[in-house]
Amino acid sequence: MTELLANEIPVEIDSMGKPCPMPLLMLKKQLKKSNGKQLLLLKSSDPHSEIDITRYCEIHHISCQLTKVSVQEFHYLIES
């Protein structure tokens, strides 16, 4: 994580209980709101979000760290 965002509290995107593609659509919406760097915490219960979110971030050169909290809960720390 960069120094600029090291002390920043992430903006939380809660997509728990929402099937794909909603977690990805909610992420895209939040990214459009920002003009600069931001730190996001996306929470999802959809196991397919792992593929969608990580691939989207990879394609767009966005830093993304996945934490599997449980079998049904995934947290993505995204730095754009």
C-alpha atoms as a PDB file:
ATOM      1  CA  MET A   1       0.000   0.000   0.000  1.00  0.00           C
ATOM      2  CA  THR A   2       1.291   3.444  -0.821  1.00  0.00           C
ATOM      3  CA  GLU A   3       2.134   5.986   1.857  1.00  0.00           C
ATOM      4  CA  LEU A   4      -0.649   8.235   0.638  1.00  0.00           C
ATOM      5  CA  LEU A   5      -3.303   5.645   1.514  1.00  0.00           C
ATOM      6  CA  ALA A   6      -1.608   3.985   4.490  1.00  0.00           C
ATOM      7  CA  ASN A   7      -3.685   5.862   7.106  1.00  0.00           C
ATOM      8  CA  GLU A   8      -6.859   6.182   5.062  1.00  0.00           C
ATOM      9  CA  ILE A   9     -10.030   4.420   6.171  1.00  0.00           C
ATOM     10  CA  PRO A  10     -11.441   2.435   3.244  1.00  0.00           C
ATOM     11  CA  VAL A  11     -14.821   3.212   1.738  1.00  0.00           C
ATOM     12  CA  GLU A  12     -16.938   0.119   2.354  1.00  0.00           C
ATOM     13  CA  ILE A  13     -18.970  -1.457  -0.431  1.00  0.00           C
ATOM     14  CA  ASP A  14     -21.358  -4.005   1.062  1.00  0.00           C
ATOM     15  CA  SER A  15     -22.563  -6.468  -1.564  1.00  0.00           C
ATOM     16  CA  MET A  16     -23.287  -9.274   0.898  1.00  0.00           C
ATOM     17  CA  GLY A  17     -26.243 -11.353  -0.265  1.00  0.00           C
ATOM     18  CA  LYS A  18     -26.107  -9.936  -3.784  1.00  0.00           C
ATOM     19  CA  PRO A  19     -25.336 -12.337  -6.649  1.00  0.00           C
ATOM     20  CA  CYS A  20     -22.889 -11.576  -9.434  1.00  0.00           C
ATOM     21  CA  PRO A  21     -22.575  -9.306 -11.276  1.00  0.00           C
ATOM     22  CA  MET A  22     -23.774  -6.929  -8.516  1.00  0.00           C
ATOM     23  CA  PRO A  23     -20.471  -6.834  -6.550  1.00  0.00           C
ATOM     24  CA  LEU A  24     -18.605  -5.863  -9.722  1.00  0.00           C
ATOM     25  CA  LEU A  25     -21.240  -3.295 -10.725  1.00  0.00           C
ATOM     26  CA  MET A  26     -21.142  -1.752  -7.247  1.00  0.00           C
ATOM     27  CA  LEU A  27     -17.329  -1.558  -7.458  1.00  0.00           C
ATOM     28  CA  LYS A  28     -17.474   0.127 -10.873  1.00  0.00           C
ATOM     29  CA  LYS A  29     -20.018   2.654  -9.583  1.00  0.00           C
ATOM     30  CA  GLN A  30     -17.806   3.561  -6.622  1.00  0.00           C
ATOM     31  CA  LEU A  31     -14.713   3.863  -8.820  1.00  0.00           C
ATOM     32  CA  LYS A  32     -16.560   6.316 -11.095  1.00  0.00           C
ATOM     33  CA  LYS A  33     -17.395   8.541  -8.097  1.00  0.00           C
ATOM     34  CA  SER A  34     -13.718   9.137  -7.400  1.00  0.00           C
ATOM     35  CA  ASN A  35     -11.437  11.434  -9.355  1.00  0.00           C
ATOM     36  CA  GLY A  36      -8.275  10.390  -7.586  1.00  0.00           C
ATOM     37  CA  LYS A  37      -6.794   7.693  -5.409  1.00  0.00           C
ATOM     38  CA  GLN A  38      -9.096   5.846  -3.080  1.00  0.00           C
ATOM     39  CA  LEU A  39      -9.090   2.830  -0.807  1.00  0.00           C
ATOM     40  CA  LEU A  40     -12.115   0.526  -0.967  1.00  0.00           C
ATOM     41  CA  LEU A  41     -13.250  -2.495   1.016  1.00  0.00           C
ATOM     42  CA  LEU A  42     -15.671  -4.615  -0.992  1.00  0.00           C
ATOM     43  CA  LYS A  43     -17.517  -7.301   0.968  1.00  0.00           C
ATOM     44  CA  SER A  44     -19.171 -10.106  -0.988  1.00  0.00           C
ATOM     45  CA  SER A  45     -20.850 -13.422  -0.254  1.00  0.00           C
ATOM     46  CA  ASP A  46     -20.845 -14.607  -3.873  1.00  0.00           C
ATOM     47  CA  PRO A  47     -17.987 -17.069  -4.558  1.00  0.00           C
ATOM     48  CA  HIS A  48     -18.015 -16.049  -8.243  1.00  0.00           C
ATOM     49  CA  SER A  49     -17.002 -12.534  -7.206  1.00  0.00           C
ATOM     50  CA  GLU A  50     -13.457 -13.825  -6.693  1.00  0.00           C
ATOM     51  CA  ILE A  51     -13.048 -14.321 -10.438  1.00  0.00           C
ATOM     52  CA  ASP A  52     -14.962 -11.175 -11.459  1.00  0.00           C
ATOM     53  CA  ILE A  53     -13.350  -8.713  -9.047  1.00  0.00           C
ATOM     54  CA  THR A  54      -9.768  -9.964  -9.257  1.00  0.00           C
ATOM     55  CA  ARG A  55      -9.875 -10.168 -13.063  1.00  0.00           C
ATOM     56  CA  TYR A  56     -11.396  -6.693 -13.405  1.00  0.00           C
ATOM     57  CA  CYS A  57      -8.720  -5.224 -11.130  1.00  0.00           C
ATOM     58  CA  GLU A  58      -5.971  -7.066 -13.010  1.00  0.00           C
ATOM     59  CA  ILE A  59      -7.172  -5.779 -16.400  1.00  0.00           C
ATOM     60  CA  HIS A  60      -7.408  -2.189 -15.115  1.00  0.00           C
ATOM     61  CA  HIS A  61      -4.125  -2.307 -13.151  1.00  0.00           C
ATOM     62  CA  ILE A  62      -5.866  -1.771  -9.820  1.00  0.00           C
ATOM     63  CA  SER A  63      -4.341  -3.198  -6.652  1.00  0.00           C
ATOM     64  CA  CYS A  64      -6.618  -5.820  -5.072  1.00  0.00           C
ATOM     65  CA  GLN A  65      -6.007  -8.015  -2.029  1.00  0.00           C
ATOM     66  CA  LEU A  66      -8.492 -10.819  -1.366  1.00  0.00           C
ATOM     67  CA  THR A  67      -9.191 -12.136   2.124  1.00  0.00           C
ATOM     68  CA  LYS A  68     -11.463 -15.154   2.458  1.00  0.00           C
ATOM     69  CA  VAL A  69     -13.146 -14.484   5.793  1.00  0.00           C
ATOM     70  CA  SER A  70     -15.188 -17.690   5.517  1.00  0.00           C
ATOM     71  CA  VAL A  71     -16.574 -20.032   2.883  1.00  0.00           C
ATOM     72  CA  GLN A  72     -19.335 -17.484   2.248  1.00  0.00           C
ATOM     73  CA  GLU A  73     -17.578 -14.164   2.871  1.00  0.00           C
ATOM     74  CA  PHE A  74     -14.915 -12.501   0.751  1.00  0.00           C
ATOM     75  CA  HIS A  75     -13.268  -9.151   1.425  1.00  0.00           C
ATOM     76  CA  TYR A  76     -11.392  -7.253  -1.265  1.00  0.00           C
ATOM     77  CA  LEU A  77      -9.106  -4.381  -0.305  1.00  0.00           C
ATOM     78  CA  ILE A  78      -8.875  -2.318  -3.473  1.00  0.00           C
ATOM     79  CA  GLU A  79      -6.538   0.606  -4.029  1.00  0.00           C
ATOM     80  CA  SER A  80      -7.240   2.647  -7.123  1.00  0.00           C
END
